Amino acid sequence: MCLPTGPWPSLHWPMGKDDCEVGTACPHKYQAVEAGPSPPHFHSDCFRSLAEGLRMLLLGAVLLLLALPICGQDTTGEEPGVLLPLPKGACTGWMAGIPGHPGHNGTPGRDGRDGTPGEKGEKGDPGLTGPKGDTGETGVTGAEGPRGFPGVQGRKGEPGESTYVYRSAFSVGLETRVTVPNVPIRFTKIFYNLQNHYDGSTGKFHCNIPGLYYFSYHITVYMKDVKVSLFKKDKAMLFTYDQYQEKNVDQASGSVLLHLEVGDQVWLQVYGEGEHNGLYADNVNDSTFTGFLLYHDTN
């Protein structure tokens, strides 16, 4: 078997019956080696056809390389080394050359002009509700509206403060027999004198609230005739006379309405001489003097 000494030394080339002997000169310019078994899937005719095709391919490549300087030569007298576009002529019929490497990317171009306005789009969906705005200025008061329906009755309120009630009253009685005439009778037996408007030490009532007053007295008469009078500001306003009946106890009374001012005084006293001093009181017989305010003045 002969091995090639050319560009493909690793290929086995079966030569058939013409294989050279080992160690002899090969007329086919191959090195003779010991023949081994031929690959079962190669045929000698196929190898010959493949070798012939490779030779033709190599020859065409050499001729193409030789033709490139001739087709690119400047025939117009320009500077040498400058390649010009190939003219339509003899070189156009040759085989195409091997493709070159891709070039580098160029610089980005400038922005193009604005396009024409497009057609009006469809109405979009409503946006989200914005935040609440500031309170506006107060508007002008409108006209009075119609009267509404009666409302529901409210709850009962708390008791209010009572209005001030003016009070002035007294009721007193006689504890001992009166012996001195023409002076205020001192009634020292106190039945009622809460406001202290009656003075037991003087026997006089003092007006502290202006208004209309009612006064009355009931006296017991014994042993002598009785003549008493009711005074207001040193003036006798009412007189009462009772004639005594022997071996008997008598009763006499009187009443009157008087308007008093603040500072006025009212009292009872025996009127006249001592013979008319039959005013009497003991444990079972009383003589009383009473007075109270009916209406106070509002002005």
C-alpha atoms as a PDB file:
ATOM      1  CA  MET A   1       0.000   0.000   0.000  1.00  0.00           C
ATOM      2  CA  CYS A   2       1.258   3.509  -0.831  1.00  0.00           C
ATOM      3  CA  LEU A   3       0.815   6.573   1.436  1.00  0.00           C
ATOM      4  CA  PRO A   4       0.832  10.039  -0.099  1.00  0.00           C
ATOM      5  CA  THR A   5       3.586  12.426   0.857  1.00  0.00           C
ATOM      6  CA  GLY A   6       1.663  15.517  -0.184  1.00  0.00           C
ATOM      7  CA  PRO A   7      -0.840  17.690   1.660  1.00  0.00           C
ATOM      8  CA  TRP A   8      -2.887  14.780   3.044  1.00  0.00           C
ATOM      9  CA  PRO A   9      -0.413  12.264   4.524  1.00  0.00           C
ATOM     10  CA  SER A  10      -3.046  10.788   6.812  1.00  0.00           C
ATOM     11  CA  LEU A  11      -5.197   9.415   3.968  1.00  0.00           C
ATOM     12  CA  HIS A  12      -4.815   5.787   2.842  1.00  0.00           C
ATOM     13  CA  TRP A  13      -4.911   5.431  -0.876  1.00  0.00           C
ATOM     14  CA  PRO A  14      -5.502   1.818  -1.972  1.00  0.00           C
ATOM     15  CA  MET A  15      -3.841   1.282  -5.264  1.00  0.00           C
ATOM     16  CA  GLY A  16      -5.098  -2.196  -6.189  1.00  0.00           C
ATOM     17  CA  LYS A  17      -2.720  -4.563  -8.009  1.00  0.00           C
ATOM     18  CA  ASP A  18      -0.218  -1.771  -8.738  1.00  0.00           C
ATOM     19  CA  ASP A  19       0.702  -1.210  -5.086  1.00  0.00           C
ATOM     20  CA  CYS A  20       4.396  -0.793  -4.650  1.00  0.00           C
ATOM     21  CA  GLU A  21       6.429  -3.051  -2.514  1.00  0.00           C
ATOM     22  CA  VAL A  22       7.607  -1.868   0.826  1.00  0.00           C
ATOM     23  CA  GLY A  23      10.941  -0.058   0.633  1.00  0.00           C
ATOM     24  CA  THR A  24      10.877   0.412  -3.190  1.00  0.00           C
ATOM     25  CA  ALA A  25      10.502   3.611  -5.143  1.00  0.00           C
ATOM     26  CA  CYS A  26       6.862   4.448  -5.913  1.00  0.00           C
ATOM     27  CA  PRO A  27       6.253   5.662  -9.482  1.00  0.00           C
ATOM     28  CA  HIS A  28       3.192   7.556  -8.134  1.00  0.00           C
ATOM     29  CA  LYS A  29       5.343   9.668  -5.757  1.00  0.00           C
ATOM     30  CA  TYR A  30       3.906   7.947  -2.694  1.00  0.00           C
ATOM     31  CA  GLN A  31       5.720   6.276   0.148  1.00  0.00           C
ATOM     32  CA  ALA A  32       5.283   2.523   0.082  1.00  0.00           C
ATOM     33  CA  VAL A  33       4.282   0.981   3.377  1.00  0.00           C
ATOM     34  CA  GLU A  34       2.906  -2.316   4.462  1.00  0.00           C
ATOM     35  CA  ALA A  35      -0.463  -2.757   3.079  1.00  0.00           C
ATOM     36  CA  GLY A  36      -3.198  -3.206   5.577  1.00  0.00           C
ATOM     37  CA  PRO A  37      -6.753  -4.232   5.069  1.00  0.00           C
ATOM     38  CA  SER A  38      -8.685  -1.741   2.981  1.00  0.00           C
ATOM     39  CA  PRO A  39     -11.671  -0.011   4.546  1.00  0.00           C
ATOM     40  CA  PRO A  40     -14.733  -1.974   3.649  1.00  0.00           C
ATOM     41  CA  HIS A  41     -16.827   1.129   2.648  1.00  0.00           C
ATOM     42  CA  PHE A  42     -14.386   2.742   0.159  1.00  0.00           C
ATOM     43  CA  HIS A  43     -13.913   1.714  -3.492  1.00  0.00           C
ATOM     44  CA  SER A  44     -10.795   2.458  -5.554  1.00  0.00           C
ATOM     45  CA  ASP A  45     -12.788   4.196  -8.322  1.00  0.00           C
ATOM     46  CA  CYS A  46     -14.395   6.525  -5.812  1.00  0.00           C
ATOM     47  CA  PHE A  47     -11.042   7.638  -4.468  1.00  0.00           C
ATOM     48  CA  ARG A  48      -9.760   8.376  -7.946  1.00  0.00           C
ATOM     49  CA  SER A  49     -12.808  10.555  -8.728  1.00  0.00           C
ATOM     50  CA  LEU A  50     -12.401  12.430  -5.428  1.00  0.00           C
ATOM     51  CA  ALA A  51      -8.725  13.081  -6.045  1.00  0.00           C
ATOM     52  CA  GLU A  52      -9.411  14.420  -9.522  1.00  0.00           C
ATOM     53  CA  GLY A  53     -12.073  16.812  -8.188  1.00  0.00           C
ATOM     54  CA  LEU A  54      -9.732  18.193  -5.541  1.00  0.00           C
ATOM     55  CA  ARG A  55      -7.036  18.857  -8.132  1.00  0.00           C
ATOM     56  CA  MET A  56      -9.468  20.885 -10.265  1.00  0.00           C
ATOM     57  CA  LEU A  57     -10.641  22.876  -7.276  1.00  0.00           C
ATOM     58  CA  LEU A  58      -7.083  23.808  -6.308  1.00  0.00           C
ATOM     59  CA  LEU A  59      -6.254  24.839  -9.878  1.00  0.00           C
ATOM     60  CA  GLY A  60      -9.297  27.132 -10.096  1.00  0.00           C
ATOM     61  CA  ALA A  61      -8.389  28.831  -6.811  1.00  0.00           C
ATOM     62  CA  VAL A  62      -4.845  29.563  -8.026  1.00  0.00           C
ATOM     63  CA  LEU A  63      -6.067  31.058 -11.306  1.00  0.00           C
ATOM     64  CA  LEU A  64      -8.589  33.283  -9.405  1.00  0.00           C
ATOM     65  CA  LEU A  65      -5.896  34.682  -7.169  1.00  0.00           C
ATOM     66  CA  LEU A  66      -3.730  35.499 -10.155  1.00  0.00           C
ATOM     67  CA  ALA A  67      -6.563  37.285 -11.974  1.00  0.00           C
ATOM     68  CA  LEU A  68      -7.527  39.715  -9.100  1.00  0.00           C
ATOM     69  CA  PRO A  69      -4.651  42.241  -9.597  1.00  0.00           C
ATOM     70  CA  ILE A  70      -5.250  42.365 -13.335  1.00  0.00           C
ATOM     71  CA  CYS A  71      -8.988  43.138 -13.020  1.00  0.00           C
ATOM     72  CA  GLY A  72      -8.390  45.843 -10.355  1.00  0.00           C
ATOM     73  CA  GLN A  73      -5.465  47.605 -12.208  1.00  0.00           C
ATOM     74  CA  ASP A  74      -6.010  51.362 -12.834  1.00  0.00           C
ATOM     75  CA  THR A  75      -5.867  51.937 -16.653  1.00  0.00           C
ATOM     76  CA  THR A  76      -6.619  55.677 -16.526  1.00  0.00           C
ATOM     77  CA  GLY A  77      -3.309  56.785 -14.987  1.00  0.00           C
ATOM     78  CA  GLU A  78      -4.606  57.304 -11.420  1.00  0.00           C
ATOM     79  CA  GLU A  79      -2.458  56.694  -8.375  1.00  0.00           C
ATOM     80  CA  PRO A  80      -1.344  53.074  -8.004  1.00  0.00           C
ATOM     81  CA  GLY A  81      -2.769  50.889  -5.260  1.00  0.00           C
ATOM     82  CA  VAL A  82      -6.295  52.365  -5.555  1.00  0.00           C
ATOM     83  CA  LEU A  83      -8.911  49.792  -6.438  1.00  0.00           C
ATOM     84  CA  LEU A  84     -11.705  51.018  -8.664  1.00  0.00           C
ATOM     85  CA  PRO A  85     -14.988  49.348  -9.446  1.00  0.00           C
ATOM     86  CA  LEU A  86     -14.571  46.548 -11.908  1.00  0.00           C
ATOM     87  CA  PRO A  87     -15.576  47.514 -15.463  1.00  0.00           C
ATOM     88  CA  LYS A  88     -18.010  45.523 -17.431  1.00  0.00           C
ATOM     89  CA  GLY A  89     -15.640  43.450 -19.501  1.00  0.00           C
ATOM     90  CA  ALA A  90     -13.307  40.527 -19.420  1.00  0.00           C
ATOM     91  CA  CYS A  91     -13.286  39.945 -15.636  1.00  0.00           C
ATOM     92  CA  THR A  92     -17.044  39.605 -15.262  1.00  0.00           C
ATOM     93  CA  GLY A  93     -16.985  36.143 -16.614  1.00  0.00           C
ATOM     94  CA  TRP A  94     -14.726  34.756 -13.966  1.00  0.00           C
ATOM     95  CA  MET A  95     -15.850  32.900 -10.870  1.00  0.00           C
ATOM     96  CA  ALA A  96     -16.989  34.879  -7.808  1.00  0.00           C
ATOM     97  CA  GLY A  97     -14.462  35.485  -5.073  1.00  0.00           C
ATOM     98  CA  ILE A  98     -14.562  34.327  -1.484  1.00  0.00           C
ATOM     99  CA  PRO A  99     -16.995  36.492   0.633  1.00  0.00           C
ATOM    100  CA  GLY A 100     -15.216  38.965   2.885  1.00  0.00           C
ATOM    101  CA  HIS A 101     -15.777  39.616   6.588  1.00  0.00           C
ATOM    102  CA  PRO A 102     -18.857  41.666   7.637  1.00  0.00           C
ATOM    103  CA  GLY A 103     -18.113  45.374   8.073  1.00  0.00           C
ATOM    104  CA  HIS A 104     -18.517  47.405  11.301  1.00  0.00           C
ATOM    105  CA  ASN A 105     -21.839  48.991  12.223  1.00  0.00           C
ATOM    106  CA  GLY A 106     -22.220  52.557  11.046  1.00  0.00           C
ATOM    107  CA  THR A 107     -23.031  55.576  13.302  1.00  0.00           C
ATOM    108  CA  PRO A 108     -26.715  56.101  14.126  1.00  0.00           C
ATOM    109  CA  GLY A 109     -28.498  58.422  11.734  1.00  0.00           C
ATOM    110  CA  ARG A 110     -30.272  61.660  12.690  1.00  0.00           C
ATOM    111  CA  ASP A 111     -33.878  61.740  13.904  1.00  0.00           C
ATOM    112  CA  GLY A 112     -36.387  61.847  11.129  1.00  0.00           C
ATOM    113  CA  ARG A 113     -38.953  64.586  10.605  1.00  0.00           C
ATOM    114  CA  ASP A 114     -42.187  64.671  12.617  1.00  0.00           C
ATOM    115  CA  GLY A 115     -44.919  62.681  11.056  1.00  0.00           C
ATOM    116  CA  THR A 116     -48.297  64.085  10.127  1.00  0.00           C
ATOM    117  CA  PRO A 117     -50.886  64.237  12.947  1.00  0.00           C
ATOM    118  CA  GLY A 118     -52.855  61.046  13.280  1.00  0.00           C
ATOM    119  CA  GLU A 119     -56.597  60.717  13.415  1.00  0.00           C
ATOM    120  CA  LYS A 120     -58.514  61.607  16.575  1.00  0.00           C
ATOM    121  CA  GLY A 121     -58.685  58.621  18.871  1.00  0.00           C
ATOM    122  CA  GLU A 122     -61.698  57.247  20.667  1.00  0.00           C
ATOM    123  CA  LYS A 123     -62.918  58.775  23.906  1.00  0.00           C
ATOM    124  CA  GLY A 124     -61.100  57.254  26.876  1.00  0.00           C
ATOM    125  CA  ASP A 125     -62.550  55.870  30.085  1.00  0.00           C
ATOM    126  CA  PRO A 126     -63.335  58.303  32.939  1.00  0.00           C
ATOM    127  CA  GLY A 127     -60.341  58.958  35.179  1.00  0.00           C
ATOM    128  CA  LEU A 128     -60.119  58.363  38.906  1.00  0.00           C
ATOM    129  CA  THR A 129     -61.850  60.762  41.287  1.00  0.00           C
ATOM    130  CA  GLY A 130     -59.497  63.531  42.359  1.00  0.00           C
ATOM    131  CA  PRO A 131     -58.942  64.754  45.932  1.00  0.00           C
ATOM    132  CA  LYS A 132     -61.538  66.927  47.635  1.00  0.00           C
ATOM    133  CA  GLY A 133     -61.109  70.595  46.868  1.00  0.00           C
ATOM    134  CA  ASP A 134     -60.973  73.517  49.289  1.00  0.00           C
ATOM    135  CA  THR A 135     -64.161  74.981  50.706  1.00  0.00           C
ATOM    136  CA  GLY A 136     -65.510  77.730  48.524  1.00  0.00           C
ATOM    137  CA  GLU A 137     -66.651  81.165  49.611  1.00  0.00           C
ATOM    138  CA  THR A 138     -69.994  81.524  51.382  1.00  0.00           C
ATOM    139  CA  GLY A 139     -72.791  82.131  48.956  1.00  0.00           C
ATOM    140  CA  VAL A 140     -75.551  84.688  49.161  1.00  0.00           C
ATOM    141  CA  THR A 141     -78.390  83.832  51.548  1.00  0.00           C
ATOM    142  CA  GLY A 142     -81.334  82.446  49.660  1.00  0.00           C
ATOM    143  CA  ALA A 143     -84.968  83.290  50.021  1.00  0.00           C
ATOM    144  CA  GLU A 144     -86.868  81.960  53.035  1.00  0.00           C
ATOM    145  CA  GLY A 145     -88.335  78.565  52.350  1.00  0.00           C
ATOM    146  CA  PRO A 146     -91.834  77.340  53.149  1.00  0.00           C
ATOM    147  CA  ARG A 147     -92.755  76.510  56.703  1.00  0.00           C
ATOM    148  CA  GLY A 148     -91.963  72.915  57.609  1.00  0.00           C
ATOM    149  CA  PHE A 149     -94.100  70.309  59.291  1.00  0.00           C
ATOM    150  CA  PRO A 150     -94.354  70.235  63.103  1.00  0.00           C
ATOM    151  CA  GLY A 151     -91.546  68.264  64.667  1.00  0.00           C
ATOM    152  CA  VAL A 152     -91.762  65.459  67.194  1.00  0.00           C
ATOM    153  CA  GLN A 153     -92.504  66.560  70.729  1.00  0.00           C
ATOM    154  CA  GLY A 154     -89.392  66.682  72.838  1.00  0.00           C
ATOM    155  CA  ARG A 155     -88.792  65.101  76.195  1.00  0.00           C
ATOM    156  CA  LYS A 156     -89.987  66.673  79.397  1.00  0.00           C
ATOM    157  CA  GLY A 157     -87.425  69.093  80.730  1.00  0.00           C
ATOM    158  CA  GLU A 158     -85.896  69.245  84.155  1.00  0.00           C
ATOM    159  CA  PRO A 159     -87.724  71.255  86.822  1.00  0.00           C
ATOM    160  CA  GLY A 160     -86.717  74.883  86.604  1.00  0.00           C
ATOM    161  CA  GLU A 161     -85.890  77.226  89.405  1.00  0.00           C
ATOM    162  CA  SER A 162     -88.977  78.537  91.160  1.00  0.00           C
ATOM    163  CA  THR A 163     -89.663  82.239  91.010  1.00  0.00           C
ATOM    164  CA  TYR A 164     -88.908  84.137  94.158  1.00  0.00           C
ATOM    165  CA  VAL A 165     -91.873  84.370  96.516  1.00  0.00           C
ATOM    166  CA  TYR A 166     -92.003  87.437  98.710  1.00  0.00           C
ATOM    167  CA  ARG A 167     -93.038  86.572 102.244  1.00  0.00           C
ATOM    168  CA  SER A 168     -93.845  88.736 105.215  1.00  0.00           C
ATOM    169  CA  ALA A 169     -96.187  87.638 108.016  1.00  0.00           C
ATOM    170  CA  PHE A 170     -96.578  87.503 111.803  1.00  0.00           C
ATOM    171  CA  SER A 171     -99.069  86.376 114.458  1.00  0.00           C
ATOM    172  CA  VAL A 172     -98.617  87.217 118.133  1.00  0.00           C
ATOM    173  CA  GLY A 173    -100.635  87.153 121.405  1.00  0.00           C
ATOM    174  CA  LEU A 174    -100.944  88.973 124.711  1.00  0.00           C
ATOM    175  CA  GLU A 175     -99.447  87.301 127.795  1.00  0.00           C
ATOM    176  CA  THR A 176    -100.345  89.859 130.526  1.00  0.00           C
ATOM    177  CA  ARG A 177    -103.029  92.459 131.146  1.00  0.00           C
ATOM    178  CA  VAL A 178    -102.277  95.896 129.668  1.00  0.00           C
ATOM    179  CA  THR A 179    -102.319  98.712 132.193  1.00  0.00           C
ATOM    180  CA  VAL A 180    -100.722 101.629 130.310  1.00  0.00           C
ATOM    181  CA  PRO A 181    -102.881 103.436 127.664  1.00  0.00           C
ATOM    182  CA  ASN A 182    -101.778 105.423 124.562  1.00  0.00           C
ATOM    183  CA  VAL A 183     -98.607 103.383 123.927  1.00  0.00           C
ATOM    184  CA  PRO A 184     -98.040 100.391 121.564  1.00  0.00           C
ATOM    185  CA  ILE A 185     -99.284  97.156 123.077  1.00  0.00           C
ATOM    186  CA  ARG A 186     -96.455  94.631 123.380  1.00  0.00           C
ATOM    187  CA  PHE A 187     -97.668  91.217 122.216  1.00  0.00           C
ATOM    188  CA  THR A 188     -94.921  88.922 123.480  1.00  0.00           C
ATOM    189  CA  LYS A 189     -96.553  85.553 122.854  1.00  0.00           C
ATOM    190  CA  ILE A 190     -95.144  84.621 119.386  1.00  0.00           C
ATOM    191  CA  PHE A 191     -97.165  82.265 117.174  1.00  0.00           C
ATOM    192  CA  TYR A 192     -95.355  83.042 113.898  1.00  0.00           C
ATOM    193  CA  ASN A 193     -92.598  85.528 113.054  1.00  0.00           C
ATOM    194  CA  LEU A 194     -90.265  83.671 110.687  1.00  0.00           C
ATOM    195  CA  GLN A 195     -89.132  86.790 108.791  1.00  0.00           C
ATOM    196  CA  ASN A 196     -88.719  88.741 112.069  1.00  0.00           C
ATOM    197  CA  HIS A 197     -90.618  91.666 110.652  1.00  0.00           C
ATOM    198  CA  TYR A 198     -92.472  92.049 113.989  1.00  0.00           C
ATOM    199  CA  ASP A 199     -90.458  93.460 116.909  1.00  0.00           C
ATOM    200  CA  GLY A 200     -91.691  92.018 120.227  1.00  0.00           C
ATOM    201  CA  SER A 201     -89.661  94.521 122.247  1.00  0.00           C
ATOM    202  CA  THR A 202     -91.570  97.485 120.782  1.00  0.00           C
ATOM    203  CA  GLY A 203     -94.835  95.834 119.732  1.00  0.00           C
ATOM    204  CA  LYS A 204     -94.492  97.239 116.163  1.00  0.00           C
ATOM    205  CA  PHE A 205     -94.484  95.609 112.708  1.00  0.00           C
ATOM    206  CA  HIS A 206     -91.783  96.943 110.317  1.00  0.00           C
ATOM    207  CA  CYS A 207     -92.450  96.867 106.562  1.00  0.00           C
ATOM    208  CA  ASN A 208     -89.544  95.449 104.514  1.00  0.00           C
ATOM    209  CA  ILE A 209     -91.450  94.627 101.287  1.00  0.00           C
ATOM    210  CA  PRO A 210     -93.665  97.248  99.733  1.00  0.00           C
ATOM    211  CA  GLY A 211     -97.145  96.053  98.899  1.00  0.00           C
ATOM    212  CA  LEU A 212    -100.667  95.382 100.154  1.00  0.00           C
ATOM    213  CA  TYR A 213    -101.011  93.959 103.688  1.00  0.00           C
ATOM    214  CA  TYR A 214    -103.878  92.537 105.724  1.00  0.00           C
ATOM    215  CA  PHE A 215    -104.062  93.208 109.504  1.00  0.00           C
ATOM    216  CA  SER A 216    -106.500  91.862 112.103  1.00  0.00           C
ATOM    217  CA  TYR A 217    -106.861  91.672 115.866  1.00  0.00           C
ATOM    218  CA  HIS A 218    -109.087  89.784 118.314  1.00  0.00           C
ATOM    219  CA  ILE A 219    -109.158  90.921 121.938  1.00  0.00           C
ATOM    220  CA  THR A 220    -110.744  89.693 125.165  1.00  0.00           C
ATOM    221  CA  VAL A 221    -112.626  92.298 127.249  1.00  0.00           C
ATOM    222  CA  TYR A 222    -112.950  91.914 131.005  1.00  0.00           C
ATOM    223  CA  MET A 223    -113.783  94.157 134.006  1.00  0.00           C
ATOM    224  CA  LYS A 224    -113.728  97.435 131.980  1.00  0.00           C
ATOM    225  CA  ASP A 225    -114.734  98.828 128.638  1.00  0.00           C
ATOM    226  CA  VAL A 226    -112.161  98.578 125.816  1.00  0.00           C
ATOM    227  CA  LYS A 227    -111.280 101.109 123.187  1.00  0.00           C
ATOM    228  CA  VAL A 228    -108.305 100.211 120.886  1.00  0.00           C
ATOM    229  CA  SER A 229    -106.962 101.654 117.644  1.00  0.00           C
ATOM    230  CA  LEU A 230    -104.622 100.444 114.878  1.00  0.00           C
ATOM    231  CA  PHE A 231    -101.884 102.918 113.988  1.00  0.00           C
ATOM    232  CA  LYS A 232     -99.803 103.413 110.845  1.00  0.00           C
ATOM    233  CA  LYS A 233     -96.931 105.914 110.987  1.00  0.00           C
ATOM    234  CA  ASP A 234     -98.315 107.647 114.102  1.00  0.00           C
ATOM    235  CA  LYS A 235    -101.795 107.891 112.597  1.00  0.00           C
ATOM    236  CA  ALA A 236    -104.832 105.972 113.845  1.00  0.00           C
ATOM    237  CA  MET A 237    -106.305 104.020 110.931  1.00  0.00           C
ATOM    238  CA  LEU A 238    -108.952 101.873 112.705  1.00  0.00           C
ATOM    239  CA  PHE A 239    -110.960 102.075 116.014  1.00  0.00           C
ATOM    240  CA  THR A 240    -112.773  99.390 117.980  1.00  0.00           C
ATOM    241  CA  TYR A 241    -114.934  99.903 121.113  1.00  0.00           C
ATOM    242  CA  ASP A 242    -116.501  97.244 123.338  1.00  0.00           C
ATOM    243  CA  GLN A 243    -118.662  97.905 126.427  1.00  0.00           C
ATOM    244  CA  TYR A 244    -118.070  95.546 129.281  1.00  0.00           C
ATOM    245  CA  GLN A 245    -121.028  93.529 130.717  1.00  0.00           C
ATOM    246  CA  GLU A 246    -120.781  92.711 134.413  1.00  0.00           C
ATOM    247  CA  LYS A 247    -119.878  89.160 135.367  1.00  0.00           C
ATOM    248  CA  ASN A 248    -119.163  88.305 131.738  1.00  0.00           C
ATOM    249  CA  VAL A 249    -116.165  88.052 129.362  1.00  0.00           C
ATOM    250  CA  ASP A 250    -116.553  89.881 126.093  1.00  0.00           C
ATOM    251  CA  GLN A 251    -114.791  89.671 122.660  1.00  0.00           C
ATOM    252  CA  ALA A 252    -113.947  92.451 120.200  1.00  0.00           C
ATOM    253  CA  SER A 253    -112.158  92.363 116.817  1.00  0.00           C
ATOM    254  CA  GLY A 254    -111.152  94.425 113.804  1.00  0.00           C
ATOM    255  CA  SER A 255    -109.371  94.063 110.425  1.00  0.00           C
ATOM    256  CA  VAL A 256    -108.102  96.279 107.625  1.00  0.00           C
ATOM    257  CA  LEU A 257    -106.104  96.331 104.319  1.00  0.00           C
ATOM    258  CA  LEU A 258    -103.232  98.759 104.172  1.00  0.00           C
ATOM    259  CA  HIS A 259    -100.639  99.583 101.515  1.00  0.00           C
ATOM    260  CA  LEU A 260     -97.241  99.979 103.080  1.00  0.00           C
ATOM    261  CA  GLU A 261     -93.919 101.290 101.887  1.00  0.00           C
ATOM    262  CA  VAL A 262     -90.549 100.129 103.097  1.00  0.00           C
ATOM    263  CA  GLY A 263     -89.964 101.593 106.588  1.00  0.00           C
ATOM    264  CA  ASP A 264     -93.648 101.975 107.515  1.00  0.00           C
ATOM    265  CA  GLN A 265     -94.681 100.733 110.997  1.00  0.00           C
ATOM    266  CA  VAL A 266     -98.010  99.311 112.208  1.00  0.00           C
ATOM    267  CA  TRP A 267     -99.126  98.617 115.799  1.00  0.00           C
ATOM    268  CA  LEU A 268    -102.094  98.519 118.288  1.00  0.00           C
ATOM    269  CA  GLN A 269    -102.593 100.676 121.350  1.00  0.00           C
ATOM    270  CA  VAL A 270    -105.275 101.534 123.980  1.00  0.00           C
ATOM    271  CA  TYR A 271    -106.968 104.756 123.004  1.00  0.00           C
ATOM    272  CA  GLY A 272    -108.159 107.323 125.577  1.00  0.00           C
ATOM    273  CA  GLU A 273    -107.961 107.345 129.360  1.00  0.00           C
ATOM    274  CA  GLY A 274    -107.437 104.497 131.764  1.00  0.00           C
ATOM    275  CA  GLU A 275    -111.158 103.798 132.191  1.00  0.00           C
ATOM    276  CA  HIS A 276    -111.184 102.210 128.703  1.00  0.00           C
ATOM    277  CA  ASN A 277    -108.451  99.750 129.390  1.00  0.00           C
ATOM    278  CA  GLY A 278    -110.354  96.473 129.717  1.00  0.00           C
ATOM    279  CA  LEU A 279    -107.982  94.494 127.473  1.00  0.00           C
ATOM    280  CA  TYR A 280    -107.388  91.111 129.092  1.00  0.00           C
ATOM    281  CA  ALA A 281    -105.529  87.779 128.666  1.00  0.00           C
ATOM    282  CA  ASP A 282    -104.821  84.716 130.832  1.00  0.00           C
ATOM    283  CA  ASN A 283    -104.233  80.993 130.398  1.00  0.00           C
ATOM    284  CA  VAL A 284    -107.638  80.369 128.829  1.00  0.00           C
ATOM    285  CA  ASN A 285    -108.338  83.740 127.180  1.00  0.00           C
ATOM    286  CA  ASP A 286    -106.218  85.275 124.439  1.00  0.00           C
ATOM    287  CA  SER A 287    -105.898  88.599 122.682  1.00  0.00           C
ATOM    288  CA  THR A 288    -104.081  88.365 119.309  1.00  0.00           C
ATOM    289  CA  PHE A 289    -102.620  90.612 116.629  1.00  0.00           C
ATOM    290  CA  THR A 290    -101.924  89.284 113.050  1.00  0.00           C
ATOM    291  CA  GLY A 291    -100.680  90.686 109.745  1.00  0.00           C
ATOM    292  CA  PHE A 292     -99.295  89.385 106.384  1.00  0.00           C
ATOM    293  CA  LEU A 293     -98.403  90.476 102.835  1.00  0.00           C
ATOM    294  CA  LEU A 294    -100.997  89.883 100.103  1.00  0.00           C
ATOM    295  CA  TYR A 295     -99.231  91.343  97.016  1.00  0.00           C
ATOM    296  CA  HIS A 296     -95.835  92.939  96.673  1.00  0.00           C
ATOM    297  CA  ASP A 297     -95.296  95.942  94.466  1.00  0.00           C
ATOM    298  CA  THR A 298     -93.866  95.092  91.015  1.00  0.00           C
ATOM    299  CA  ASN A 299     -92.596  98.551  90.096  1.00  0.00           C
END
